[in-house]
Protein backbone atom coordinates (compact mmCIF):
# COMPACT_ATOMS: atom_id res chain seq x y z
CA UNK A 1 -0.15 -0.19 -0.06
CA UNK A 2 1.39 3.12 -0.98
CA UNK A 3 0.63 7.17 -0.29
CA UNK A 4 1.87 9.84 -2.02
CA UNK A 5 1.26 13.38 -1.21
CA UNK A 6 1.69 16.06 -3.78
CA UNK A 7 2.05 20.13 -3.16
CA UNK A 8 -0.57 22.12 -5.09
CA UNK A 9 1.31 24.91 -6.14
CA UNK A 10 -0.82 26.34 -9.54
CA UNK A 11 -3.90 26.28 -7.54
CA UNK A 12 -2.25 27.98 -4.18
CA UNK A 13 0.95 29.30 -3.35
CA UNK A 14 2.92 26.56 -1.68
CA UNK A 15 3.33 28.06 1.37
CA UNK A 16 -0.94 27.54 2.13
CA UNK A 17 0.47 23.89 2.92
CA UNK A 18 -2.57 22.76 1.26
CA UNK A 19 -2.16 19.09 -0.62
CA UNK A 20 -3.61 17.03 -2.59
CA UNK A 21 -3.20 13.24 -1.81
CA UNK A 22 -3.24 10.55 -4.51
CA UNK A 23 -3.62 7.11 -3.43
CA UNK A 24 -2.88 3.94 -4.95
CA UNK A 25 -2.93 0.76 -2.88
CA UNK A 26 -4.49 -2.94 -2.71
CA UNK A 27 -7.40 -4.73 -1.08
CA UNK A 28 -6.75 -8.02 -1.13
CA UNK A 29 -9.71 -10.82 -0.45
CA UNK A 30 -11.94 -7.56 -0.45
CA UNK A 31 -13.66 -7.90 -4.04
CA UNK A 32 -14.33 -4.54 -5.48
CA UNK A 33 -18.45 -4.95 -5.19
CA UNK A 34 -17.56 -5.02 -1.37
CA UNK A 35 -15.68 -2.50 -1.04
CA UNK A 36 -17.73 -0.07 -2.83
CA UNK A 37 -20.76 -1.05 -0.93
CA UNK A 38 -18.43 -0.52 2.35
CA UNK A 39 -17.29 2.77 1.11
CA UNK A 40 -20.89 3.98 0.25
CA UNK A 41 -22.68 2.34 3.85
CA UNK A 42 -23.05 6.00 5.93
CA UNK A 43 -24.57 3.86 8.89
CA UNK A 44 -21.71 0.81 8.75
CA UNK A 45 -19.16 3.91 8.74
CA UNK A 46 -20.23 5.18 11.93
CA UNK A 47 -19.30 1.74 13.73
CA UNK A 48 -15.32 1.44 11.96
CA UNK A 49 -14.68 4.79 11.26
CA UNK A 50 -13.16 6.47 14.83
CA UNK A 51 -12.79 9.71 13.11
CA UNK A 52 -16.48 10.24 12.41
CA UNK A 53 -18.75 11.99 15.33
CA UNK A 54 -22.08 12.87 12.95
CA UNK A 55 -22.51 11.49 9.43
CA UNK A 56 -25.97 11.10 7.70
CA UNK A 57 -27.75 11.44 4.39
CA UNK A 58 -30.97 13.82 3.84
CA UNK A 59 -32.66 14.87 0.35
CA UNK A 60 -33.04 18.47 -0.03
CA UNK A 61 -34.86 20.06 -2.66
CA UNK A 62 -34.61 16.80 -4.23
CA UNK A 63 -30.65 16.16 -4.07
CA UNK A 64 -29.60 14.14 -1.51
CA UNK A 65 -26.78 15.44 0.60
CA UNK A 66 -24.40 13.87 3.05
CA UNK A 67 -23.26 15.80 6.49
CA UNK A 68 -20.30 14.28 7.52
CA UNK A 69 -18.30 15.85 10.95
CA UNK A 70 -14.75 14.71 11.43
CA UNK A 71 -13.07 14.19 15.00
CA UNK A 72 -9.80 16.47 14.90
CA UNK A 73 -7.30 15.66 17.72
CA UNK A 74 -7.25 18.01 20.42
CA UNK A 75 -6.83 21.55 20.16
CA UNK A 76 -7.87 21.63 16.61
CA UNK A 77 -11.65 22.25 16.14
CA UNK A 78 -13.68 19.66 14.44
CA UNK A 79 -14.13 20.21 10.08
CA UNK A 80 -17.31 19.35 8.62
CA UNK A 81 -18.25 18.81 5.37
CA UNK A 82 -21.25 19.28 3.13
CA UNK A 83 -21.16 17.02 0.21
CA UNK A 84 -23.02 15.29 -2.65
CA UNK A 85 -21.84 12.24 -4.09
CA UNK A 86 -22.31 9.66 -7.08
CA UNK A 87 -21.67 6.04 -7.29
CA UNK A 88 -21.45 4.21 -10.35
CA UNK A 89 -20.25 0.68 -12.48
CA UNK A 90 -18.63 1.26 -15.42
CA UNK A 91 -17.60 -1.28 -17.60
CA UNK A 92 -14.38 -0.45 -19.94
CA UNK A 93 -13.21 -3.00 -22.95
CA UNK A 94 -14.38 -5.80 -20.31
CA UNK A 95 -13.24 -4.20 -17.03
CA UNK A 96 -15.53 -3.52 -14.71
CA UNK A 97 -15.00 -0.24 -12.61
CA UNK A 98 -16.75 0.86 -9.28
CA UNK A 99 -16.44 4.89 -9.62
CA UNK A 100 -17.31 6.77 -6.54
CA UNK A 101 -17.40 10.60 -6.88
CA UNK A 102 -17.82 12.99 -3.87
CA UNK A 103 -17.93 17.08 -4.05
CA UNK A 104 -18.57 19.74 -1.30
CA UNK A 105 -21.77 21.95 -1.87
CA UNK A 106 -23.79 24.64 0.43
CA UNK A 107 -26.88 23.79 1.01
CA UNK A 108 -29.00 26.67 3.04
CA UNK A 109 -30.68 24.14 4.90
CA UNK A 110 -26.97 22.84 6.75
CA UNK A 111 -25.48 26.18 8.07
CA UNK A 112 -22.19 26.15 9.81
CA UNK A 113 -21.85 25.00 13.27
CA UNK A 114 -20.28 27.23 16.31
CA UNK A 115 -16.89 25.49 17.26
CA UNK A 116 -16.42 23.67 13.94
CA UNK A 117 -15.14 24.45 10.74
CA UNK A 118 -16.86 23.76 7.74
CA UNK A 119 -14.58 22.70 4.75
CA UNK A 120 -15.85 24.15 1.54
CA UNK A 121 -13.87 23.08 -0.89
CA UNK A 122 -13.50 18.64 -1.01
CA UNK A 123 -13.24 16.99 -3.60
CA UNK A 124 -13.11 13.23 -4.13
CA UNK A 125 -12.71 10.44 -6.46
CA UNK A 126 -12.28 6.69 -5.60
CA UNK A 127 -11.85 4.15 -8.57
CA UNK A 128 -12.04 0.43 -7.65
CA UNK A 129 -11.46 -2.84 -9.90
CA UNK A 130 -10.53 -6.57 -9.61
CA UNK A 131 -6.74 -6.82 -9.02
CA UNK A 132 -7.20 -10.24 -11.11
CA UNK A 133 -7.60 -12.64 -7.60
CA UNK A 134 -10.05 -12.14 -5.17
CA UNK A 135 -8.87 -8.72 -3.74
CA UNK A 136 -9.47 -5.03 -5.56
CA UNK A 137 -7.19 -2.50 -6.79
CA UNK A 138 -7.92 0.80 -5.48
CA UNK A 139 -7.14 4.93 -6.57
CA UNK A 140 -8.28 7.70 -4.74
CA UNK A 141 -8.00 11.26 -5.56
CA UNK A 142 -8.41 13.28 -2.51
CA UNK A 143 -8.80 17.31 -2.06
CA UNK A 144 -9.81 19.30 0.67
CA UNK A 145 -9.11 22.95 2.54
CA UNK A 146 -9.79 22.30 5.98
CA UNK A 147 -9.88 25.82 6.76
CA UNK A 148 -7.74 27.44 10.06
CA UNK A 149 -4.10 26.42 10.35
CA UNK A 150 -3.42 23.23 10.48
CA UNK A 151 0.16 22.04 11.63
CA UNK A 152 2.88 20.36 9.76
CA UNK A 153 2.53 17.47 11.75
CA UNK A 154 -0.80 16.75 11.20
CA UNK A 155 -0.20 16.94 7.53
CA UNK A 156 2.63 14.40 7.59
CA UNK A 157 0.71 12.04 9.52
CA UNK A 158 -2.12 11.72 7.33
CA UNK A 159 -0.05 11.21 4.55
CA UNK A 160 2.15 8.69 6.28
CA UNK A 161 -0.68 7.22 8.70
CA UNK A 162 -3.46 8.78 8.29
CA UNK A 163 -4.47 7.09 5.09
CA UNK A 164 -3.28 3.95 5.15
CA UNK A 165 -4.62 3.16 8.32
CA UNK A 166 -8.12 4.28 6.90
CA UNK A 167 -7.18 1.88 4.07
CA UNK A 168 -6.25 -0.71 6.68
CA UNK A 169 -9.76 -0.02 8.95
CA UNK A 170 -11.48 -0.46 4.92
CA UNK A 171 -10.19 -3.56 4.84
CA UNK A 172 -11.15 -4.50 8.32
CA UNK A 173 -14.53 -3.19 7.79
CA UNK A 174 -14.84 -5.46 4.34
CA UNK A 175 -14.21 -8.25 6.63
CA UNK A 176 -16.88 -7.63 8.95
CA UNK A 177 -19.63 -6.61 6.77
CA UNK A 178 -22.73 -8.64 5.84
CA UNK A 179 -25.88 -6.99 4.26
């Protein structure tokens, strides 16, 4: 499993400390459909993702919107996200690929909460396909602007430990998932 961070010098000055994350990895013994199911199941995620404070989906003006509050380490304020997402199964030259796209949206019915920093710029793309055996190959692109001052130790932790740990947790979740 490898996780690589790329600074965003074009969109933001590098001293802003903003990064986009591109992750290539494998989840052995987790089929692509199972991975996608686990990834999409918000109620189940509350059970296995230790950083979820609050997570739910509601429909506003006919559109399904997700609210997600993420626990940040003390003394930092928690962050929350309001976003839409879409899942598609694609067939490309006989290769079946599960794709999940997510992007932040502004919804008046989901106002900012005091003491929590709203992440207004968030984008994620996930592609999952078979590794040719019993597992999956996973590609993830992730960017957000967490707002406020994020110390470099937290950015480094996210890149080196947090994201790989998330994928390991997700692999465990796949083993425990039955629906």
